[in-house]
Protein backbone atom coordinates (compact mmCIF):
# COMPACT_ATOMS: atom_id res chain seq x y z
CA UNK A 1 109.01 114.20 121.82
CA UNK A 2 107.81 117.40 120.22
CA UNK A 3 104.07 117.49 119.70
CA UNK A 4 103.92 120.06 116.93
CA UNK A 5 105.93 121.10 113.92
CA UNK A 6 107.46 124.50 113.14
CA UNK A 7 105.74 127.62 111.83
CA UNK A 8 102.52 126.87 109.96
CA UNK A 9 102.80 126.86 106.17
CA UNK A 10 99.54 126.51 104.23
CA UNK A 11 101.15 124.71 101.29
CA UNK A 12 104.43 124.35 99.44
CA UNK A 13 104.57 123.42 95.75
CA UNK A 14 106.90 124.08 92.83
CA UNK A 15 104.80 126.74 91.09
CA UNK A 16 101.24 127.71 92.00
CA UNK A 17 100.84 129.16 88.49
CA UNK A 18 100.60 125.59 87.17
CA UNK A 19 97.21 125.20 88.87
CA UNK A 20 95.06 125.97 85.82
CA UNK A 21 96.83 123.28 83.78
CA UNK A 22 96.47 120.85 86.65
CA UNK A 23 92.76 121.58 86.98
CA UNK A 24 92.18 120.82 83.29
CA UNK A 25 93.89 117.45 83.62
CA UNK A 26 91.99 116.65 86.81
CA UNK A 27 88.77 117.28 84.88
CA UNK A 28 89.80 114.72 82.26
CA UNK A 29 90.94 112.21 84.89
CA UNK A 30 87.57 112.34 86.68
CA UNK A 31 85.93 110.81 83.60
CA UNK A 32 88.38 107.88 83.85
CA UNK A 33 87.87 107.31 87.59
CA UNK A 34 84.27 106.08 87.90
CA UNK A 35 84.79 104.44 91.29
CA UNK A 36 85.71 107.68 93.01
CA UNK A 37 83.04 109.67 91.20
CA UNK A 38 80.37 107.15 92.19
CA UNK A 39 81.45 107.49 95.84
CA UNK A 40 80.98 111.25 95.59
CA UNK A 41 77.52 110.70 94.18
CA UNK A 42 76.54 108.07 96.75
CA UNK A 43 78.02 109.63 99.88
CA UNK A 44 78.46 113.31 99.01
CA UNK A 45 75.30 114.44 100.83
CA UNK A 46 75.89 112.20 103.85
CA UNK A 47 79.50 113.42 104.44
CA UNK A 48 80.66 110.20 106.19
CA UNK A 49 84.13 111.65 106.78
CA UNK A 50 82.90 114.84 108.47
CA UNK A 51 85.21 115.73 111.34
CA UNK A 52 88.04 113.49 110.09
CA UNK A 53 91.50 114.98 109.60
CA UNK A 54 93.25 112.76 107.08
CA UNK A 55 96.99 113.05 106.56
CA UNK A 56 97.97 111.43 103.28
CA UNK A 57 101.39 110.44 101.95
CA UNK A 58 101.00 109.11 98.41
CA UNK A 59 102.36 110.09 94.99
CA UNK A 60 101.00 113.59 94.28
CA UNK A 61 99.71 112.97 90.79
CA UNK A 62 96.61 113.98 88.83
CA UNK A 63 94.94 110.71 89.87
CA UNK A 64 95.76 111.37 93.52
CA UNK A 65 94.22 114.82 93.16
CA UNK A 66 90.91 113.15 92.32
CA UNK A 67 91.27 110.98 95.44
CA UNK A 68 92.03 114.00 97.63
CA UNK A 69 89.05 115.94 96.35
CA UNK A 70 86.83 112.89 96.87
CA UNK A 71 87.89 112.72 100.52
CA UNK A 72 87.12 116.43 100.88
CA UNK A 73 83.77 116.01 99.12
CA UNK A 74 82.93 113.32 101.67
CA UNK A 75 83.55 115.73 104.52
CA UNK A 76 87.21 115.30 105.52
CA UNK A 77 89.92 117.85 106.08
CA UNK A 78 92.99 116.70 104.18
CA UNK A 79 96.72 117.41 104.20
CA UNK A 80 99.05 115.76 101.70
CA UNK A 81 102.66 114.93 100.94
CA UNK A 82 104.22 112.70 98.31
CA UNK A 83 105.76 109.32 99.16
CA UNK A 84 108.56 109.64 96.60
CA UNK A 85 110.94 112.52 95.85
CA UNK A 86 110.47 112.23 92.07
CA UNK A 87 106.81 111.21 91.68
CA UNK A 88 105.00 114.54 92.14
CA UNK A 89 103.34 116.08 89.12
CA UNK A 90 103.80 119.74 89.89
CA UNK A 91 100.68 120.91 88.09
CA UNK A 92 98.59 118.46 90.11
CA UNK A 93 100.08 119.72 93.38
CA UNK A 94 99.47 123.31 92.32
CA UNK A 95 95.81 122.62 91.50
CA UNK A 96 95.24 121.05 94.92
CA UNK A 97 96.95 123.96 96.67
CA UNK A 98 94.88 126.44 94.67
CA UNK A 99 91.74 124.60 95.83
CA UNK A 100 92.65 125.48 99.41
CA UNK A 101 94.01 122.07 100.44
CA UNK A 102 97.33 121.90 102.29
CA UNK A 103 99.78 120.04 100.08
CA UNK A 104 103.54 119.83 100.45
CA UNK A 105 105.09 118.22 97.39
CA UNK A 106 107.24 118.97 94.37
CA UNK A 107 109.25 116.88 91.91
CA UNK A 108 112.92 116.60 92.81
CA UNK A 109 112.87 117.06 96.58
CA UNK A 110 115.86 116.22 98.73
CA UNK A 111 115.50 113.60 101.47
CA UNK A 112 115.47 116.39 104.07
CA UNK A 113 112.70 118.23 102.20
CA UNK A 114 110.81 114.96 101.81
CA UNK A 115 110.72 114.46 105.58
CA UNK A 116 109.85 118.12 106.16
CA UNK A 117 106.86 117.78 103.84
CA UNK A 118 105.54 114.71 105.65
CA UNK A 119 105.92 116.47 109.00
CA UNK A 120 103.83 119.42 107.81
CA UNK A 121 100.84 117.13 107.25
CA UNK A 122 100.57 116.01 110.89
CA UNK A 123 98.86 119.19 112.10
CA UNK A 124 95.95 121.02 110.50
CA UNK A 125 95.51 124.77 110.13
CA UNK A 126 96.67 127.64 112.30
CA UNK A 127 95.20 125.83 115.31
CA UNK A 128 97.61 122.89 114.72
CA UNK A 129 94.89 120.29 115.21
CA UNK A 130 96.43 116.78 115.01
CA UNK A 131 95.59 114.17 112.41
CA UNK A 132 92.92 111.56 113.13
CA UNK A 133 93.49 109.17 110.17
CA UNK A 134 96.52 108.12 108.10
CA UNK A 135 96.42 107.27 104.40
CA UNK A 136 99.86 105.95 103.49
CA UNK A 137 101.85 104.52 100.61
CA UNK A 138 105.03 102.79 101.71
CA UNK A 139 104.87 103.55 105.42
CA UNK A 140 106.96 106.72 105.72
CA UNK A 141 104.12 108.77 107.23
CA UNK A 142 103.13 105.90 109.52
CA UNK A 143 106.71 105.46 110.73
CA UNK A 144 107.14 109.18 111.36
CA UNK A 145 104.00 109.30 113.50
CA UNK A 146 104.70 106.12 115.43
CA UNK A 147 108.43 106.70 115.94
CA UNK A 148 108.72 110.50 116.27
CA UNK A 149 105.26 111.65 117.36
CA UNK A 150 103.89 108.74 119.44
CA UNK A 151 101.84 111.13 121.56
CA UNK A 152 99.55 111.62 118.53
CA UNK A 153 98.59 107.93 118.39
CA UNK A 154 95.81 108.21 120.97
CA UNK A 155 93.84 110.50 118.64
CA UNK A 156 94.21 108.37 115.49
CA UNK A 157 91.43 105.96 114.50
CA UNK A 158 93.65 103.96 112.18
CA UNK A 159 95.49 103.87 108.88
CA UNK A 160 95.13 102.45 105.40
CA UNK A 161 98.19 101.34 103.41
CA UNK A 162 98.48 101.37 99.63
CA UNK A 163 101.50 99.32 98.66
CA UNK A 164 103.28 96.00 99.19
CA UNK A 165 106.31 97.49 100.93
CA UNK A 166 104.21 99.43 103.42
CA UNK A 167 102.12 96.36 104.16
CA UNK A 168 105.28 94.36 104.92
CA UNK A 169 106.26 97.06 107.42
CA UNK A 170 102.84 96.89 109.08
CA UNK A 171 102.87 93.09 109.45
CA UNK A 172 106.37 93.35 110.93
CA UNK A 173 105.09 95.86 113.50
CA UNK A 174 102.06 93.70 114.28
CA UNK A 175 104.19 90.60 114.78
CA UNK A 176 106.57 92.56 117.02
CA UNK A 177 103.73 94.02 119.06
CA UNK A 178 104.58 97.60 118.02
CA UNK A 179 101.46 98.46 116.01
CA UNK A 180 99.42 100.76 118.29
CA UNK A 181 96.51 101.47 115.90
CA UNK A 182 94.36 99.42 113.50
CA UNK A 183 95.56 99.20 109.90
CA UNK A 184 93.73 98.24 106.73
CA UNK A 185 95.82 96.56 104.05
CA UNK A 186 94.44 98.07 100.86
CA UNK A 187 97.26 96.66 98.73
CA UNK A 188 96.12 93.05 98.90
CA UNK A 189 92.51 93.78 98.00
CA UNK A 190 91.77 91.87 94.81
CA UNK A 191 90.61 95.06 93.13
CA UNK A 192 93.94 96.69 93.95
CA UNK A 193 96.84 94.25 93.58
CA UNK A 194 95.33 92.31 90.68
CA UNK A 195 94.62 95.52 88.77
CA UNK A 196 96.82 98.45 89.83
CA UNK A 197 99.96 96.34 90.41
CA UNK A 198 99.51 94.21 87.30
CA UNK A 199 97.63 96.16 84.65
CA UNK A 200 98.92 99.54 85.81
CA UNK A 201 102.52 98.38 85.39
CA UNK A 202 101.64 96.78 82.07
CA UNK A 203 100.80 100.25 80.78
CA UNK A 204 103.41 102.34 82.59
CA UNK A 205 106.64 100.29 82.57
CA UNK A 206 107.43 100.61 78.87
CA UNK A 207 106.10 104.17 78.81
CA UNK A 208 108.76 105.22 81.32
CA UNK A 209 111.67 103.57 79.47
CA UNK A 210 110.66 105.15 76.19
CA UNK A 211 110.21 108.63 77.65
CA UNK A 212 113.54 108.42 79.42
CA UNK A 213 115.73 106.92 76.69
CA UNK A 214 113.92 106.79 73.32
CA UNK A 215 115.34 103.28 72.96
CA UNK A 216 113.78 100.87 70.46
CA UNK A 217 112.68 97.90 72.55
CA UNK A 218 111.87 95.36 69.83
CA UNK A 219 114.54 92.67 69.89
CA UNK A 220 116.18 93.96 73.07
CA UNK A 221 116.85 91.64 76.01
CA UNK A 222 114.87 92.79 79.05
CA UNK A 223 115.48 91.13 82.41
CA UNK A 224 112.55 91.47 84.82
CA UNK A 225 113.49 90.69 88.41
CA UNK A 226 110.45 89.23 90.17
CA UNK A 227 107.16 87.81 88.92
CA UNK A 228 104.65 88.88 91.51
CA UNK A 229 101.76 91.11 90.42
CA UNK A 230 104.09 94.01 89.55
CA UNK A 231 106.49 91.69 87.77
CA UNK A 232 103.66 90.06 85.81
CA UNK A 233 102.49 93.44 84.53
CA UNK A 234 106.02 94.61 83.79
CA UNK A 235 106.96 91.47 81.86
CA UNK A 236 103.75 91.74 79.84
CA UNK A 237 104.54 95.39 79.11
CA UNK A 238 107.86 94.53 77.48
CA UNK A 239 106.49 91.41 75.79
CA UNK A 240 104.09 93.72 73.97
CA UNK A 241 107.04 95.55 72.41
CA UNK A 242 108.51 92.29 71.05
CA UNK A 243 111.41 92.47 73.46
CA UNK A 244 112.99 89.21 74.52
CA UNK A 245 111.91 89.05 78.15
CA UNK A 246 113.75 86.95 80.74
CA UNK A 247 112.32 86.62 84.26
CA UNK A 248 114.25 85.97 87.47
CA UNK A 249 112.16 84.69 90.38
CA UNK A 250 112.90 82.76 93.60
CA UNK A 251 109.31 81.71 94.35
CA UNK A 252 108.67 78.39 92.53
CA UNK A 253 104.98 79.07 91.90
CA UNK A 254 105.61 82.50 90.42
CA UNK A 255 108.54 81.11 88.42
CA UNK A 256 106.30 78.37 87.01
CA UNK A 257 103.67 80.99 86.12
CA UNK A 258 106.32 82.93 84.20
CA UNK A 259 107.31 79.79 82.33
CA UNK A 260 103.67 79.03 81.51
CA UNK A 261 103.42 82.51 79.99
CA UNK A 262 106.32 81.68 77.69
CA UNK A 263 109.06 83.62 79.47
CA UNK A 264 112.56 82.27 80.01
CA UNK A 265 113.16 81.90 83.75
CA UNK A 266 116.77 82.07 84.86
CA UNK A 267 119.01 83.26 87.67
CA UNK A 268 120.17 86.88 87.59
CA UNK A 269 123.83 85.86 87.55
CA UNK A 270 123.22 83.86 84.36
CA UNK A 271 121.55 86.63 82.36
CA UNK A 272 122.79 89.97 83.64
CA UNK A 273 125.54 90.15 81.00
CA UNK A 274 123.01 89.81 78.16
CA UNK A 275 120.61 92.48 79.38
CA UNK A 276 119.88 95.64 77.46
CA UNK A 277 117.37 96.60 80.17
CA UNK A 278 117.15 95.40 83.77
CA UNK A 279 114.06 96.30 85.80
CA UNK A 280 113.47 95.23 89.41
CA UNK A 281 109.95 94.59 90.68
CA UNK A 282 110.42 92.62 93.90
CA UNK A 283 110.01 94.93 96.90
CA UNK A 284 113.21 93.39 98.31
CA UNK A 285 116.67 94.93 98.69
CA UNK A 286 119.96 94.32 96.89
CA UNK A 287 118.56 92.62 93.81
CA UNK A 288 121.22 94.37 91.70
CA UNK A 289 124.57 94.39 93.53
CA UNK A 290 128.23 95.05 92.74
CA UNK A 291 128.72 91.78 90.84
CA UNK A 292 125.74 92.56 88.62
CA UNK A 293 126.87 96.12 87.87
CA UNK A 294 130.28 94.82 86.85
CA UNK A 295 128.72 92.19 84.55
CA UNK A 296 126.48 94.63 82.63
CA UNK A 297 127.14 95.37 78.97
CA UNK A 298 127.93 98.87 77.73
CA UNK A 299 124.88 101.21 77.68
CA UNK A 300 122.68 98.80 79.64
CA UNK A 301 119.67 100.48 81.26
CA UNK A 302 118.99 99.71 84.92
CA UNK A 303 115.81 100.75 86.71
CA UNK A 304 113.31 99.81 89.40
CA UNK A 305 109.51 99.76 89.53
CA UNK A 306 109.26 98.63 93.16
CA UNK A 307 108.45 101.15 95.89
CA UNK A 308 111.89 101.88 97.36
CA UNK A 309 115.29 102.57 95.85
CA UNK A 310 117.18 99.78 97.65
CA UNK A 311 116.37 97.03 95.12
CA UNK A 312 119.34 98.44 93.20
CA UNK A 313 122.41 99.03 95.36
CA UNK A 314 122.71 102.71 94.51
CA UNK A 315 124.75 103.32 97.67
CA UNK A 316 127.54 101.09 96.34
CA UNK A 317 127.34 102.60 92.86
CA UNK A 318 127.53 106.18 94.10
CA UNK A 319 130.27 105.43 96.61
CA UNK A 320 132.48 103.72 94.05
CA UNK A 321 131.57 105.36 90.74
CA UNK A 322 129.66 108.49 91.73
CA UNK A 323 132.47 110.64 90.37
CA UNK A 324 131.73 109.32 86.86
CA UNK A 325 128.04 110.25 86.98
CA UNK A 326 126.78 112.45 84.16
CA UNK A 327 123.16 113.64 84.18
CA UNK A 328 121.73 113.38 80.67
CA UNK A 329 118.44 114.96 81.75
CA UNK A 330 116.45 114.85 85.00
CA UNK A 331 116.20 111.25 86.27
CA UNK A 332 118.47 109.87 83.54
CA UNK A 333 122.09 109.40 84.68
CA UNK A 334 125.10 107.83 82.99
CA UNK A 335 127.77 106.06 85.07
CA UNK A 336 131.08 104.70 83.81
CA UNK A 337 131.98 101.41 85.49
CA UNK A 338 135.54 100.58 84.45
CA UNK A 339 135.01 101.66 80.86
CA UNK A 340 131.41 100.48 80.45
CA UNK A 341 128.66 103.09 80.51
CA UNK A 342 125.49 102.19 82.43
CA UNK A 343 122.26 104.21 82.33
CA UNK A 344 120.41 104.53 85.65
CA UNK A 345 116.83 105.80 85.63
CA UNK A 346 115.18 107.80 88.45
CA UNK A 347 118.18 107.15 90.72
CA UNK A 348 116.85 103.63 91.28
CA UNK A 349 113.47 104.83 92.49
CA UNK A 350 110.06 104.15 90.93
CA UNK A 351 110.78 104.54 87.24
CA UNK A 352 107.18 104.81 86.07
CA UNK A 353 106.60 107.86 88.27
CA UNK A 354 110.11 109.30 88.09
CA UNK A 355 110.40 109.13 84.30
CA UNK A 356 106.72 109.09 83.27
CA UNK A 357 103.31 109.78 84.82
CA UNK A 358 102.60 106.50 86.60
CA UNK A 359 99.55 104.33 86.07
CA UNK A 360 96.55 105.45 84.01
CA UNK A 361 93.60 107.02 85.81
CA UNK A 362 91.19 104.15 85.22
CA UNK A 363 93.21 101.51 87.04
CA UNK A 364 93.98 103.92 89.89
CA UNK A 365 90.24 104.42 90.37
CA UNK A 366 90.12 100.86 91.71
CA UNK A 367 92.91 101.42 94.23
CA UNK A 368 91.73 104.81 95.38
CA UNK A 369 88.11 103.74 95.77
CA UNK A 370 89.40 101.05 98.13
CA UNK A 371 91.40 103.67 100.01
CA UNK A 372 88.34 105.89 100.41
CA UNK A 373 86.19 102.99 101.64
CA UNK A 374 88.90 102.03 104.12
CA UNK A 375 89.05 105.57 105.47
CA UNK A 376 85.25 105.69 105.88
CA UNK A 377 85.28 102.33 107.66
CA UNK A 378 88.01 103.38 110.11
CA UNK A 379 86.33 106.71 110.81
CA UNK A 380 82.79 105.42 111.31
CA UNK A 381 83.48 102.02 112.93
CA UNK A 382 86.75 102.11 114.89
CA UNK A 383 85.26 99.82 117.52
CA UNK A 384 85.32 96.95 115.02
CA UNK A 385 89.11 96.88 114.85
CA UNK A 386 91.93 95.93 117.20
CA UNK A 387 95.55 97.00 116.74
CA UNK A 388 96.10 94.55 113.91
CA UNK A 389 96.41 94.55 110.13
CA UNK A 390 93.12 93.83 108.39
CA UNK A 391 92.14 93.21 104.82
CA UNK A 392 89.49 95.57 103.52
CA UNK A 393 86.18 93.86 104.42
CA UNK A 394 84.90 91.93 101.40
CA UNK A 395 81.47 93.59 101.37
CA UNK A 396 83.13 96.95 100.78
């Protein structure tokens, strides 16, 4: 295993000249992120993260910029990459780079560039000092460290994980005995999943469809796959536009909740042919498969608001109908499936970050305050934790 990456690069962003714009938006976001700002006020003088080298892999947005600068204000050195090839806001990345923080992110990366960016965050400065904490969203950084750079594990106090998919990966490792460091599950904190996942999606789901397509949603049939916290917020988002929302859900409790909220609850096979919009929210793979693509009506919109792009079988679509693909504009593609045109948003990846700007600052303040508290806890009290997955302690 190699223990260091290639030639040191201080940062890599789309355009450093966007920094001034990014800084102005960061200033506005700070007013909407009281949790993070209160942590700066409470702990800024104490510097509880002094000496920590935090590698982060999380959507490089304006809200994330406020998180990064909070970690720095609390004493940490920070490097950053984005956990999605389309989610970076380039002016936010530029502002962070201009502030002297090593960030490797731009909107529209290739998979190879995505992995290169993550790898750059493992070592700090010209001296190539290794990371001591991981802050992850989805598990790509964690997996790279544990699978490709296992020699770094001995110097890492632990990790905190932001999202459902990443948490699933961590529990799988723990159950298999392959989790060599403590992990804090930030996602399932009440002040994260019940706010970010639900109310964040309630604001951002419709926003992304409208920005991408300009479609009028009133009266349209919207099929929401899944009714967990993300699905609840997404269904509510479309309900607010007077769309006719149909929910598909395999968990009987969640399905009953959807029914109690007044939504039709049906199987995907029963409703796919009626859908004007299909949006997946499950965190599971192959929700939309060949049979569903073939059943779609002309000009149906298909998108995903779960973390990874495998909820929609894009591999099948591109293998069989990739030659029909026409890009209308970035992250909006038209495919022709045997005479019917289907609109795919953000290549099946997170639509609210690929086609819009993600969740509002206020709700992300909850999530990112939890992340910061988790990082402080792991840095100051590593002796409290075994190599297991923990919920963020309630008192925090």
